[in-house]
């Protein structure tokens, strides 16, 4: 399984990407999280190369080492438009320090509705 998310889609698609990665029973899975627009990273040379390596391995049987690499590839923002790719072995990261400062609802209601409802009650 290859799932690709975007840091900018926190309340929308990114949660689906990370949940799919965590809940998948497969040991053969990859999670790539990039920055920027939702579409652009798929068409960069680097983004396209990641996808082709994965599909070459699984669809063509080409042993290119893609599954020997850590399962996570995360774009870490360095300021402005610069990123640094970091490879990790688990999600969530084992060294994460949970602060409790962010409240994430487990309800099926989309987060934006919660935010809108809270803003309406403040007025």
PDB file of N, CA and C in Angstrom:
ATOM      1  N   UNK A   1       0.845  -1.159   0.000  1.00  0.00           N
ATOM      2  CA  UNK A   1       0.000   0.000   0.000  1.00  0.00           C
ATOM      3  C   UNK A   1       0.900   1.234   0.000  1.00  0.00           C
ATOM      4  N   UNK A   2       0.584   2.168  -0.855  1.00  0.00           N
ATOM      5  CA  UNK A   2       1.260   3.469  -0.885  1.00  0.00           C
ATOM      6  C   UNK A   2       0.191   4.527  -0.662  1.00  0.00           C
ATOM      7  N   UNK A   3       0.334   5.303   0.402  1.00  0.00           N
ATOM      8  CA  UNK A   3      -0.590   6.399   0.648  1.00  0.00           C
ATOM      9  C   UNK A   3       0.221   7.681   0.775  1.00  0.00           C
ATOM     10  N   UNK A   4      -0.256   8.710   0.101  1.00  0.00           N
ATOM     11  CA  UNK A   4       0.483   9.972   0.031  1.00  0.00           C
ATOM     12  C   UNK A   4      -0.400  11.098   0.542  1.00  0.00           C
ATOM     13  N   UNK A   5       0.079  11.799   1.558  1.00  0.00           N
ATOM     14  CA  UNK A   5      -0.679  12.881   2.160  1.00  0.00           C
ATOM     15  C   UNK A   5       0.034  14.211   2.056  1.00  0.00           C
ATOM     16  N   UNK A   6      -0.655  15.242   2.514  1.00  0.00           N
ATOM     17  CA  UNK A   6      -0.145  16.602   2.440  1.00  0.00           C
ATOM     18  C   UNK A   6      -0.316  17.253   3.809  1.00  0.00           C
ATOM     19  N   UNK A   7       0.757  17.836   4.337  1.00  0.00           N
ATOM     20  CA  UNK A   7       0.671  18.514   5.638  1.00  0.00           C
ATOM     21  C   UNK A   7      -0.423  19.581   5.641  1.00  0.00           C
ATOM     22  N   UNK A   8      -0.731  20.143   4.492  1.00  0.00           N
ATOM     23  CA  UNK A   8      -1.736  21.212   4.414  1.00  0.00           C
ATOM     24  C   UNK A   8      -3.162  20.690   4.509  1.00  0.00           C
ATOM     25  N   UNK A   9      -3.370  19.393   4.425  1.00  0.00           N
ATOM     26  CA  UNK A   9      -4.715  18.831   4.476  1.00  0.00           C
ATOM     27  C   UNK A   9      -5.029  18.194   5.818  1.00  0.00           C
ATOM     28  N   UNK A  10      -4.621  18.853   6.914  1.00  0.00           N
ATOM     29  CA  UNK A  10      -4.745  18.263   8.253  1.00  0.00           C
ATOM     30  C   UNK A  10      -6.165  17.834   8.612  1.00  0.00           C
ATOM     31  N   UNK A  11      -7.145  18.658   8.322  1.00  0.00           N
ATOM     32  CA  UNK A  11      -8.512  18.347   8.745  1.00  0.00           C
ATOM     33  C   UNK A  11      -9.294  17.640   7.646  1.00  0.00           C
ATOM     34  N   UNK A  12      -8.617  17.254   6.598  1.00  0.00           N
ATOM     35  CA  UNK A  12      -9.333  16.643   5.486  1.00  0.00           C
ATOM     36  C   UNK A  12      -8.701  15.305   5.121  1.00  0.00           C
ATOM     37  N   UNK A  13      -7.783  15.304   4.185  1.00  0.00           N
ATOM     38  CA  UNK A  13      -7.229  14.051   3.673  1.00  0.00           C
ATOM     39  C   UNK A  13      -6.097  13.470   4.503  1.00  0.00           C
ATOM     40  N   UNK A  14      -5.302  14.308   5.143  1.00  0.00           N
ATOM     41  CA  UNK A  14      -4.130  13.801   5.856  1.00  0.00           C
ATOM     42  C   UNK A  14      -4.504  12.785   6.927  1.00  0.00           C
ATOM     43  N   UNK A  15      -5.574  13.046   7.637  1.00  0.00           N
ATOM     44  CA  UNK A  15      -5.983  12.088   8.665  1.00  0.00           C
ATOM     45  C   UNK A  15      -6.323  10.739   8.039  1.00  0.00           C
ATOM     46  N   UNK A  16      -6.961  10.763   6.889  1.00  0.00           N
ATOM     47  CA  UNK A  16      -7.269   9.511   6.190  1.00  0.00           C
ATOM     48  C   UNK A  16      -6.012   8.767   5.785  1.00  0.00           C
ATOM     49  N   UNK A  17      -4.998   9.510   5.332  1.00  0.00           N
ATOM     50  CA  UNK A  17      -3.732   8.878   4.947  1.00  0.00           C
ATOM     51  C   UNK A  17      -3.062   8.219   6.150  1.00  0.00           C
ATOM     52  N   UNK A  18      -2.983   8.953   7.251  1.00  0.00           N
ATOM     53  CA  UNK A  18      -2.296   8.400   8.422  1.00  0.00           C
ATOM     54  C   UNK A  18      -3.095   7.267   9.057  1.00  0.00           C
ATOM     55  N   UNK A  19      -4.416   7.394   9.091  1.00  0.00           N
ATOM     56  CA  UNK A  19      -5.256   6.312   9.646  1.00  0.00           C
ATOM     57  C   UNK A  19      -5.149   5.055   8.782  1.00  0.00           C
ATOM     58  N   UNK A  20      -5.165   5.225   7.468  1.00  0.00           N
ATOM     59  CA  UNK A  20      -5.042   4.069   6.575  1.00  0.00           C
ATOM     60  C   UNK A  20      -3.705   3.371   6.791  1.00  0.00           C
ATOM     61  N   UNK A  21      -2.650   4.150   6.939  1.00  0.00           N
ATOM     62  CA  UNK A  21      -1.332   3.573   7.167  1.00  0.00           C
ATOM     63  C   UNK A  21      -1.298   2.800   8.490  1.00  0.00           C
ATOM     64  N   UNK A  22      -1.819   3.413   9.549  1.00  0.00           N
ATOM     65  CA  UNK A  22      -1.781   2.765  10.861  1.00  0.00           C
ATOM     66  C   UNK A  22      -2.667   1.521  10.926  1.00  0.00           C
ATOM     67  N   UNK A  23      -3.816   1.565  10.292  1.00  0.00           N
ATOM     68  CA  UNK A  23      -4.775   0.469  10.413  1.00  0.00           C
ATOM     69  C   UNK A  23      -4.575  -0.655   9.411  1.00  0.00           C
ATOM     70  N   UNK A  24      -3.782  -0.417   8.392  1.00  0.00           N
ATOM     71  CA  UNK A  24      -3.547  -1.459   7.399  1.00  0.00           C
ATOM     72  C   UNK A  24      -2.803  -2.629   8.032  1.00  0.00           C
ATOM     73  N   UNK A  25      -3.305  -3.819   7.812  1.00  0.00           N
ATOM     74  CA  UNK A  25      -2.659  -5.011   8.365  1.00  0.00           C
ATOM     75  C   UNK A  25      -1.405  -5.388   7.582  1.00  0.00           C
ATOM     76  N   UNK A  26      -1.251  -4.834   6.396  1.00  0.00           N
ATOM     77  CA  UNK A  26      -0.100  -5.171   5.553  1.00  0.00           C
ATOM     78  C   UNK A  26       1.210  -4.699   6.169  1.00  0.00           C
ATOM     79  N   UNK A  27       2.239  -5.514   6.052  1.00  0.00           N
ATOM     80  CA  UNK A  27       3.577  -5.105   6.471  1.00  0.00           C
ATOM     81  C   UNK A  27       4.271  -4.383   5.318  1.00  0.00           C
ATOM     82  N   UNK A  28       3.674  -4.443   4.139  1.00  0.00           N
ATOM     83  CA  UNK A  28       4.238  -3.850   2.927  1.00  0.00           C
ATOM     84  C   UNK A  28       3.515  -2.543   2.621  1.00  0.00           C
ATOM     85  N   UNK A  29       3.840  -1.516   3.392  1.00  0.00           N
ATOM     86  CA  UNK A  29       3.131  -0.246   3.225  1.00  0.00           C
ATOM     87  C   UNK A  29       4.096   0.921   3.342  1.00  0.00           C
ATOM     88  N   UNK A  30       3.716   1.999   2.664  1.00  0.00           N
ATOM     89  CA  UNK A  30       4.516   3.223   2.653  1.00  0.00           C
ATOM     90  C   UNK A  30       3.594   4.411   2.881  1.00  0.00           C
ATOM     91  N   UNK A  31       4.112   5.393   3.631  1.00  0.00           N
ATOM     92  CA  UNK A  31       3.402   6.659   3.855  1.00  0.00           C
ATOM     93  C   UNK A  31       4.352   7.781   3.489  1.00  0.00           C
ATOM     94  N   UNK A  32       3.928   8.626   2.566  1.00  0.00           N
ATOM     95  CA  UNK A  32       4.721   9.785   2.143  1.00  0.00           C
ATOM     96  C   UNK A  32       3.883  11.016   2.432  1.00  0.00           C
ATOM     97  N   UNK A  33       4.439  11.962   3.170  1.00  0.00           N
ATOM     98  CA  UNK A  33       3.713  13.210   3.443  1.00  0.00           C
ATOM     99  C   UNK A  33       4.563  14.359   2.919  1.00  0.00           C
ATOM    100  N   UNK A  34       3.982  15.101   1.986  1.00  0.00           N
ATOM    101  CA  UNK A  34       4.693  16.213   1.362  1.00  0.00           C
ATOM    102  C   UNK A  34       4.062  17.545   1.762  1.00  0.00           C
ATOM    103  N   UNK A  35       4.645  18.604   1.279  1.00  0.00           N
ATOM    104  CA  UNK A  35       4.139  19.959   1.532  1.00  0.00           C
ATOM    105  C   UNK A  35       3.751  20.587   0.191  1.00  0.00           C
ATOM    106  N   UNK A  36       3.084  21.717   0.254  1.00  0.00           N
ATOM    107  CA  UNK A  36       2.684  22.404  -0.981  1.00  0.00           C
ATOM    108  C   UNK A  36       1.241  22.117  -1.321  1.00  0.00           C
ATOM    109  N   UNK A  37       0.928  22.177  -2.595  1.00  0.00           N
ATOM    110  CA  UNK A  37      -0.443  21.924  -3.033  1.00  0.00           C
ATOM    111  C   UNK A  37      -0.730  20.435  -2.969  1.00  0.00           C
ATOM    112  N   UNK A  38      -1.983  20.080  -3.126  1.00  0.00           N
ATOM    113  CA  UNK A  38      -2.357  18.670  -3.092  1.00  0.00           C
ATOM    114  C   UNK A  38      -1.917  17.927  -4.345  1.00  0.00           C
ATOM    115  N   UNK A  39      -1.791  18.620  -5.449  1.00  0.00           N
ATOM    116  CA  UNK A  39      -1.510  17.974  -6.724  1.00  0.00           C
ATOM    117  C   UNK A  39      -0.051  18.098  -7.140  1.00  0.00           C
ATOM    118  N   UNK A  40       0.535  19.253  -6.982  1.00  0.00           N
ATOM    119  CA  UNK A  40       1.866  19.537  -7.514  1.00  0.00           C
ATOM    120  C   UNK A  40       2.930  18.489  -7.167  1.00  0.00           C
ATOM    121  N   UNK A  41       3.058  18.037  -5.905  1.00  0.00           N
ATOM    122  CA  UNK A  41       4.125  17.079  -5.584  1.00  0.00           C
ATOM    123  C   UNK A  41       4.057  15.767  -6.362  1.00  0.00           C
ATOM    124  N   UNK A  42       2.881  15.392  -6.868  1.00  0.00           N
ATOM    125  CA  UNK A  42       2.781  14.175  -7.662  1.00  0.00           C
ATOM    126  C   UNK A  42       3.484  14.320  -9.006  1.00  0.00           C
ATOM    127  N   UNK A  43       3.623  15.550  -9.473  1.00  0.00           N
ATOM    128  CA  UNK A  43       4.187  15.782 -10.797  1.00  0.00           C
ATOM    129  C   UNK A  43       5.622  16.270 -10.762  1.00  0.00           C
ATOM    130  N   UNK A  44       6.190  16.450  -9.586  1.00  0.00           N
ATOM    131  CA  UNK A  44       7.609  16.800  -9.519  1.00  0.00           C
ATOM    132  C   UNK A  44       8.406  15.570  -9.910  1.00  0.00           C
ATOM    133  N   UNK A  45       9.616  15.777 -10.333  1.00  0.00           N
ATOM    134  CA  UNK A  45      10.480  14.652 -10.712  1.00  0.00           C
ATOM    135  C   UNK A  45      10.666  13.688  -9.537  1.00  0.00           C
ATOM    136  N   UNK A  46      10.883  14.258  -8.358  1.00  0.00           N
ATOM    137  CA  UNK A  46      11.112  13.456  -7.162  1.00  0.00           C
ATOM    138  C   UNK A  46       9.854  12.680  -6.748  1.00  0.00           C
ATOM    139  N   UNK A  47       8.687  13.330  -6.796  1.00  0.00           N
ATOM    140  CA  UNK A  47       7.435  12.677  -6.441  1.00  0.00           C
ATOM    141  C   UNK A  47       7.088  11.561  -7.410  1.00  0.00           C
ATOM    142  N   UNK A  48       7.295  11.832  -8.677  1.00  0.00           N
ATOM    143  CA  UNK A  48       7.036  10.833  -9.710  1.00  0.00           C
ATOM    144  C   UNK A  48       7.976   9.639  -9.551  1.00  0.00           C
ATOM    145  N   UNK A  49       9.246   9.905  -9.211  1.00  0.00           N
ATOM    146  CA  UNK A  49      10.227   8.828  -9.027  1.00  0.00           C
ATOM    147  C   UNK A  49       9.817   7.913  -7.866  1.00  0.00           C
ATOM    148  N   UNK A  50       9.317   8.488  -6.768  1.00  0.00           N
ATOM    149  CA  UNK A  50       8.855   7.675  -5.635  1.00  0.00           C
ATOM    150  C   UNK A  50       7.732   6.734  -6.061  1.00  0.00           C
ATOM    151  N   UNK A  51       6.774   7.270  -6.788  1.00  0.00           N
ATOM    152  CA  UNK A  51       5.651   6.451  -7.230  1.00  0.00           C
ATOM    153  C   UNK A  51       6.096   5.352  -8.182  1.00  0.00           C
ATOM    154  N   UNK A  52       6.945   5.702  -9.146  1.00  0.00           N
ATOM    155  CA  UNK A  52       7.396   4.714 -10.122  1.00  0.00           C
ATOM    156  C   UNK A  52       8.194   3.594  -9.471  1.00  0.00           C
ATOM    157  N   UNK A  53       9.038   3.924  -8.502  1.00  0.00           N
ATOM    158  CA  UNK A  53       9.803   2.887  -7.807  1.00  0.00           C
ATOM    159  C   UNK A  53       8.865   1.916  -7.097  1.00  0.00           C
ATOM    160  N   UNK A  54       7.837   2.456  -6.424  1.00  0.00           N
ATOM    161  CA  UNK A  54       6.881   1.608  -5.720  1.00  0.00           C
ATOM    162  C   UNK A  54       6.137   0.693  -6.700  1.00  0.00           C
ATOM    163  N   UNK A  55       5.626   1.286  -7.770  1.00  0.00           N
ATOM    164  CA  UNK A  55       4.852   0.494  -8.737  1.00  0.00           C
ATOM    165  C   UNK A  55       5.733  -0.459  -9.540  1.00  0.00           C
ATOM    166  N   UNK A  56       6.960  -0.065  -9.846  1.00  0.00           N
ATOM    167  CA  UNK A  56       7.878  -0.981 -10.530  1.00  0.00           C
ATOM    168  C   UNK A  56       8.120  -2.231  -9.684  1.00  0.00           C
ATOM    169  N   UNK A  57       8.278  -2.036  -8.383  1.00  0.00           N
ATOM    170  CA  UNK A  57       8.506  -3.159  -7.482  1.00  0.00           C
ATOM    171  C   UNK A  57       7.295  -4.092  -7.450  1.00  0.00           C
ATOM    172  N   UNK A  58       6.107  -3.517  -7.214  1.00  0.00           N
ATOM    173  CA  UNK A  58       4.921  -4.345  -7.008  1.00  0.00           C
ATOM    174  C   UNK A  58       4.251  -4.814  -8.289  1.00  0.00           C
ATOM    175  N   UNK A  59       4.316  -4.041  -9.365  1.00  0.00           N
ATOM    176  CA  UNK A  59       3.611  -4.421 -10.592  1.00  0.00           C
ATOM    177  C   UNK A  59       4.516  -5.090 -11.620  1.00  0.00           C
ATOM    178  N   UNK A  60       5.809  -4.771 -11.583  1.00  0.00           N
ATOM    179  CA  UNK A  60       6.726  -5.336 -12.574  1.00  0.00           C
ATOM    180  C   UNK A  60       7.732  -6.310 -11.954  1.00  0.00           C
ATOM    181  N   UNK A  61       7.753  -6.391 -10.619  1.00  0.00           N
ATOM    182  CA  UNK A  61       8.670  -7.310  -9.957  1.00  0.00           C
ATOM    183  C   UNK A  61      10.121  -6.865  -9.999  1.00  0.00           C
ATOM    184  N   UNK A  62      10.371  -5.573 -10.183  1.00  0.00           N
ATOM    185  CA  UNK A  62      11.733  -5.043 -10.226  1.00  0.00           C
ATOM    186  C   UNK A  62      12.220  -4.807  -8.802  1.00  0.00           C
ATOM    187  N   UNK A  63      13.279  -5.516  -8.402  1.00  0.00           N
ATOM    188  CA  UNK A  63      13.815  -5.371  -7.051  1.00  0.00           C
ATOM    189  C   UNK A  63      14.720  -4.145  -7.021  1.00  0.00           C
ATOM    190  N   UNK A  64      14.115  -2.989  -6.723  1.00  0.00           N
ATOM    191  CA  UNK A  64      14.837  -1.714  -6.748  1.00  0.00           C
ATOM    192  C   UNK A  64      15.159  -1.188  -5.346  1.00  0.00           C
ATOM    193  N   UNK A  65      14.897  -1.972  -4.309  1.00  0.00           N
ATOM    194  CA  UNK A  65      15.236  -1.584  -2.951  1.00  0.00           C
ATOM    195  C   UNK A  65      14.211  -0.713  -2.250  1.00  0.00           C
ATOM    196  N   UNK A  66      13.114  -0.380  -2.924  1.00  0.00           N
ATOM    197  CA  UNK A  66      12.136   0.529  -2.332  1.00  0.00           C
ATOM    198  C   UNK A  66      11.560  -0.017  -1.023  1.00  0.00           C
ATOM    199  N   UNK A  67      11.399  -1.327  -0.926  1.00  0.00           N
ATOM    200  CA  UNK A  67      10.819  -1.895   0.287  1.00  0.00           C
ATOM    201  C   UNK A  67      11.863  -2.158   1.366  1.00  0.00           C
ATOM    202  N   UNK A  68      13.138  -1.912   1.059  1.00  0.00           N
ATOM    203  CA  UNK A  68      14.194  -2.011   2.068  1.00  0.00           C
ATOM    204  C   UNK A  68      14.361  -0.702   2.828  1.00  0.00           C
ATOM    205  N   UNK A  69      13.756   0.366   2.318  1.00  0.00           N
ATOM    206  CA  UNK A  69      13.837   1.690   2.941  1.00  0.00           C
ATOM    207  C   UNK A  69      12.794   1.806   4.052  1.00  0.00           C
ATOM    208  N   UNK A  70      12.989   2.744   4.991  1.00  0.00           N
ATOM    209  CA  UNK A  70      11.965   2.954   6.029  1.00  0.00           C
ATOM    210  C   UNK A  70      10.605   3.254   5.385  1.00  0.00           C
ATOM    211  N   UNK A  71       9.521   2.864   6.035  1.00  0.00           N
ATOM    212  CA  UNK A  71       8.196   3.013   5.436  1.00  0.00           C
ATOM    213  C   UNK A  71       7.671   4.449   5.351  1.00  0.00           C
ATOM    214  N   UNK A  72       8.227   5.372   6.098  1.00  0.00           N
ATOM    215  CA  UNK A  72       7.750   6.753   6.068  1.00  0.00           C
ATOM    216  C   UNK A  72       8.768   7.671   5.423  1.00  0.00           C
ATOM    217  N   UNK A  73       8.248   8.579   4.606  1.00  0.00           N
ATOM    218  CA  UNK A  73       9.065   9.632   4.014  1.00  0.00           C
ATOM    219  C   UNK A  73       8.303  10.939   4.261  1.00  0.00           C
ATOM    220  N   UNK A  74       8.860  11.772   5.140  1.00  0.00           N
ATOM    221  CA  UNK A  74       8.172  12.991   5.564  1.00  0.00           C
ATOM    222  C   UNK A  74       8.913  14.235   5.099  1.00  0.00           C
ATOM    223  N   UNK A  75       8.182  15.170   4.526  1.00  0.00           N
ATOM    224  CA  UNK A  75       8.756  16.464   4.153  1.00  0.00           C
ATOM    225  C   UNK A  75       8.731  17.348   5.402  1.00  0.00           C
ATOM    226  N   UNK A  76       9.900  17.726   5.877  1.00  0.00           N
ATOM    227  CA  UNK A  76      10.003  18.582   7.051  1.00  0.00           C
ATOM    228  C   UNK A  76      10.322  19.990   6.568  1.00  0.00           C
ATOM    229  N   UNK A  77       9.447  20.916   6.872  1.00  0.00           N
ATOM    230  CA  UNK A  77       9.615  22.293   6.411  1.00  0.00           C
ATOM    231  C   UNK A  77      10.813  22.949   7.075  1.00  0.00           C
ATOM    232  N   UNK A  78      11.591  23.661   6.263  1.00  0.00           N
ATOM    233  CA  UNK A  78      12.793  24.343   6.730  1.00  0.00           C
ATOM    234  C   UNK A  78      12.664  25.857   6.631  1.00  0.00           C
ATOM    235  N   UNK A  79      11.481  26.340   6.337  1.00  0.00           N
ATOM    236  CA  UNK A  79      11.266  27.775   6.159  1.00  0.00           C
ATOM    237  C   UNK A  79      11.134  28.113   4.683  1.00  0.00           C
ATOM    238  N   UNK A  80      10.337  29.114   4.443  1.00  0.00           N
ATOM    239  CA  UNK A  80      10.016  29.516   3.064  1.00  0.00           C
ATOM    240  C   UNK A  80       9.545  28.307   2.275  1.00  0.00           C
ATOM    241  N   UNK A  81      10.133  28.047   1.126  1.00  0.00           N
ATOM    242  CA  UNK A  81       9.703  26.921   0.297  1.00  0.00           C
ATOM    243  C   UNK A  81      10.655  25.737   0.376  1.00  0.00           C
ATOM    244  N   UNK A  82      11.509  25.717   1.371  1.00  0.00           N
ATOM    245  CA  UNK A  82      12.489  24.641   1.482  1.00  0.00           C
ATOM    246  C   UNK A  82      11.980  23.528   2.400  1.00  0.00           C
ATOM    247  N   UNK A  83      12.268  22.301   1.991  1.00  0.00           N
ATOM    248  CA  UNK A  83      11.932  21.137   2.826  1.00  0.00           C
ATOM    249  C   UNK A  83      13.150  20.222   2.894  1.00  0.00           C
ATOM    250  N   UNK A  84      13.147  19.376   3.900  1.00  0.00           N
ATOM    251  CA  UNK A  84      14.154  18.321   4.039  1.00  0.00           C
ATOM    252  C   UNK A  84      13.388  17.026   4.223  1.00  0.00           C
ATOM    253  N   UNK A  85      13.740  16.004   3.453  1.00  0.00           N
ATOM    254  CA  UNK A  85      13.060  14.725   3.579  1.00  0.00           C
ATOM    255  C   UNK A  85      13.642  13.946   4.737  1.00  0.00           C
ATOM    256  N   UNK A  86      12.764  13.400   5.561  1.00  0.00           N
ATOM    257  CA  UNK A  86      13.181  12.587   6.696  1.00  0.00           C
ATOM    258  C   UNK A  86      12.512  11.212   6.575  1.00  0.00           C
ATOM    259  N   UNK A  87      13.290  10.169   6.717  1.00  0.00           N
ATOM    260  CA  UNK A  87      12.763   8.806   6.691  1.00  0.00           C
ATOM    261  C   UNK A  87      12.556   8.343   8.134  1.00  0.00           C
ATOM    262  N   UNK A  88      11.407   7.743   8.387  1.00  0.00           N
ATOM    263  CA  UNK A  88      11.060   7.277   9.725  1.00  0.00           C
ATOM    264  C   UNK A  88      10.528   5.846   9.646  1.00  0.00           C
ATOM    265  N   UNK A  89      10.450   5.208  10.805  1.00  0.00           N
ATOM    266  CA  UNK A  89      10.039   3.804  10.856  1.00  0.00           C
ATOM    267  C   UNK A  89       8.641   3.571  11.408  1.00  0.00           C
ATOM    268  N   UNK A  90       8.023   4.557  12.064  1.00  0.00           N
ATOM    269  CA  UNK A  90       6.693   4.332  12.639  1.00  0.00           C
ATOM    270  C   UNK A  90       5.883   5.627  12.641  1.00  0.00           C
ATOM    271  N   UNK A  91       4.562   5.427  12.665  1.00  0.00           N
ATOM    272  CA  UNK A  91       3.622   6.547  12.786  1.00  0.00           C
ATOM    273  C   UNK A  91       2.540   6.155  13.768  1.00  0.00           C
ATOM    274  N   UNK A  92       2.269   6.996  14.763  1.00  0.00           N
ATOM    275  CA  UNK A  92       2.970   8.248  15.048  1.00  0.00           C
ATOM    276  C   UNK A  92       4.404   7.973  15.509  1.00  0.00           C
ATOM    277  N   UNK A  93       5.235   8.977  15.395  1.00  0.00           N
ATOM    278  CA  UNK A  93       6.634   8.826  15.763  1.00  0.00           C
ATOM    279  C   UNK A  93       6.741   8.481  17.244  1.00  0.00           C
ATOM    280  N   UNK A  94       7.566   7.508  17.560  1.00  0.00           N
ATOM    281  CA  UNK A  94       7.709   7.049  18.950  1.00  0.00           C
ATOM    282  C   UNK A  94       8.209   8.165  19.865  1.00  0.00           C
ATOM    283  N   UNK A  95       8.988   9.086  19.339  1.00  0.00           N
ATOM    284  CA  UNK A  95       9.546  10.162  20.169  1.00  0.00           C
ATOM    285  C   UNK A  95       8.628  11.388  20.253  1.00  0.00           C
ATOM    286  N   UNK A  96       7.402  11.265  19.770  1.00  0.00           N
ATOM    287  CA  UNK A  96       6.447  12.366  19.858  1.00  0.00           C
ATOM    288  C   UNK A  96       6.186  12.706  21.314  1.00  0.00           C
ATOM    289  N   UNK A  97       6.190  13.990  21.630  1.00  0.00           N
ATOM    290  CA  UNK A  97       5.849  14.462  22.973  1.00  0.00           C
ATOM    291  C   UNK A  97       4.471  15.099  22.884  1.00  0.00           C
ATOM    292  N   UNK A  98       3.474  14.381  23.342  1.00  0.00           N
ATOM    293  CA  UNK A  98       2.094  14.855  23.274  1.00  0.00           C
ATOM    294  C   UNK A  98       1.896  15.939  24.325  1.00  0.00           C
ATOM    295  N   UNK A  99       1.383  17.087  23.889  1.00  0.00           N
ATOM    296  CA  UNK A  99       1.231  18.208  24.807  1.00  0.00           C
ATOM    297  C   UNK A  99      -0.200  18.382  25.295  1.00  0.00           C
ATOM    298  N   UNK A 100      -1.150  17.834  24.606  1.00  0.00           N
ATOM    299  CA  UNK A 100      -2.538  17.989  25.003  1.00  0.00           C
ATOM    300  C   UNK A 100      -3.113  19.345  24.637  1.00  0.00           C
ATOM    301  N   UNK A 101      -2.360  20.147  23.906  1.00  0.00           N
ATOM    302  CA  UNK A 101      -2.837  21.482  23.561  1.00  0.00           C
ATOM    303  C   UNK A 101      -3.757  21.481  22.349  1.00  0.00           C
ATOM    304  N   UNK A 102      -3.868  20.357  21.667  1.00  0.00           N
ATOM    305  CA  UNK A 102      -4.741  20.266  20.505  1.00  0.00           C
ATOM    306  C   UNK A 102      -5.823  19.248  20.819  1.00  0.00           C
ATOM    307  N   UNK A 103      -7.066  19.616  20.615  1.00  0.00           N
ATOM    308  CA  UNK A 103      -8.177  18.709  20.863  1.00  0.00           C
ATOM    309  C   UNK A 103      -8.662  18.155  19.536  1.00  0.00           C
ATOM    310  N   UNK A 104      -8.632  16.846  19.406  1.00  0.00           N
ATOM    311  CA  UNK A 104      -9.087  16.196  18.183  1.00  0.00           C
ATOM    312  C   UNK A 104     -10.345  15.421  18.503  1.00  0.00           C
ATOM    313  N   UNK A 105     -11.401  15.732  17.801  1.00  0.00           N
ATOM    314  CA  UNK A 105     -12.684  15.079  18.024  1.00  0.00           C
ATOM    315  C   UNK A 105     -12.693  13.690  17.403  1.00  0.00           C
ATOM    316  N   UNK A 106     -13.236  12.745  18.099  1.00  0.00           N
ATOM    317  CA  UNK A 106     -13.385  11.389  17.568  1.00  0.00           C
ATOM    318  C   UNK A 106     -14.781  11.211  16.942  1.00  0.00           C
ATOM    319  N   UNK A 107     -15.569  12.273  16.947  1.00  0.00           N
ATOM    320  CA  UNK A 107     -16.913  12.169  16.389  1.00  0.00           C
ATOM    321  C   UNK A 107     -16.842  12.147  14.869  1.00  0.00           C
ATOM    322  N   UNK A 108     -17.863  11.600  14.213  1.00  0.00           N
ATOM    323  CA  UNK A 108     -17.865  11.568  12.756  1.00  0.00           C
ATOM    324  C   UNK A 108     -18.087  12.945  12.123  1.00  0.00           C
ATOM    325  N   UNK A 109     -18.419  13.934  12.936  1.00  0.00           N
ATOM    326  CA  UNK A 109     -18.680  15.273  12.428  1.00  0.00           C
ATOM    327  C   UNK A 109     -17.364  15.900  11.957  1.00  0.00           C
ATOM    328  N   UNK A 110     -17.315  16.468  10.740  1.00  0.00           N
ATOM    329  CA  UNK A 110     -16.083  17.100  10.261  1.00  0.00           C
ATOM    330  C   UNK A 110     -15.611  18.220  11.180  1.00  0.00           C
ATOM    331  N   UNK A 111     -14.308  18.364  11.303  1.00  0.00           N
ATOM    332  CA  UNK A 111     -13.703  19.341  12.212  1.00  0.00           C
ATOM    333  C   UNK A 111     -14.129  20.765  11.906  1.00  0.00           C
ATOM    334  N   UNK A 112     -14.314  21.105  10.636  1.00  0.00           N
ATOM    335  CA  UNK A 112     -14.680  22.481  10.305  1.00  0.00           C
ATOM    336  C   UNK A 112     -16.045  22.842  10.866  1.00  0.00           C
ATOM    337  N   UNK A 113     -16.938  21.871  10.984  1.00  0.00           N
ATOM    338  CA  UNK A 113     -18.255  22.155  11.580  1.00  0.00           C
ATOM    339  C   UNK A 113     -18.107  22.487  13.055  1.00  0.00           C
ATOM    340  N   UNK A 114     -17.227  21.752  13.742  1.00  0.00           N
ATOM    341  CA  UNK A 114     -16.965  22.026  15.157  1.00  0.00           C
ATOM    342  C   UNK A 114     -16.409  23.439  15.324  1.00  0.00           C
ATOM    343  N   UNK A 115     -15.464  23.788  14.461  1.00  0.00           N
ATOM    344  CA  UNK A 115     -14.845  25.105  14.525  1.00  0.00           C
ATOM    345  C   UNK A 115     -15.896  26.186  14.271  1.00  0.00           C
ATOM    346  N   UNK A 116     -16.692  26.000  13.247  1.00  0.00           N
ATOM    347  CA  UNK A 116     -17.733  26.994  12.893  1.00  0.00           C
ATOM    348  C   UNK A 116     -18.727  27.132  14.040  1.00  0.00           C
ATOM    349  N   UNK A 117     -19.149  25.998  14.600  1.00  0.00           N
ATOM    350  CA  UNK A 117     -20.110  26.023  15.698  1.00  0.00           C
ATOM    351  C   UNK A 117     -19.537  26.776  16.903  1.00  0.00           C
ATOM    352  N   UNK A 118     -18.263  26.536  17.210  1.00  0.00           N
ATOM    353  CA  UNK A 118     -17.609  27.231  18.329  1.00  0.00           C
ATOM    354  C   UNK A 118     -17.534  28.720  18.054  1.00  0.00           C
ATOM    355  N   UNK A 119     -17.239  29.102  16.832  1.00  0.00           N
ATOM    356  CA  UNK A 119     -17.129  30.530  16.481  1.00  0.00           C
ATOM    357  C   UNK A 119     -18.503  31.200  16.567  1.00  0.00           C
ATOM    358  N   UNK A 120     -19.552  30.509  16.167  1.00  0.00           N
ATOM    359  CA  UNK A 120     -20.890  31.074  16.224  1.00  0.00           C
ATOM    360  C   UNK A 120     -21.315  31.328  17.671  1.00  0.00           C
ATOM    361  N   UNK A 121     -20.921  30.433  18.574  1.00  0.00           N
ATOM    362  CA  UNK A 121     -21.288  30.590  19.988  1.00  0.00           C
ATOM    363  C   UNK A 121     -20.493  31.674  20.687  1.00  0.00           C
ATOM    364  N   UNK A 122     -19.376  32.076  20.115  1.00  0.00           N
ATOM    365  CA  UNK A 122     -18.566  33.148  20.706  1.00  0.00           C
ATOM    366  C   UNK A 122     -19.150  34.525  20.391  1.00  0.00           C
ATOM    367  N   UNK A 123     -19.907  34.605  19.309  1.00  0.00           N
ATOM    368  CA  UNK A 123     -20.440  35.905  18.882  1.00  0.00           C
ATOM    369  C   UNK A 123     -21.514  36.416  19.803  1.00  0.00           C
TER     370      UNK A 123
END
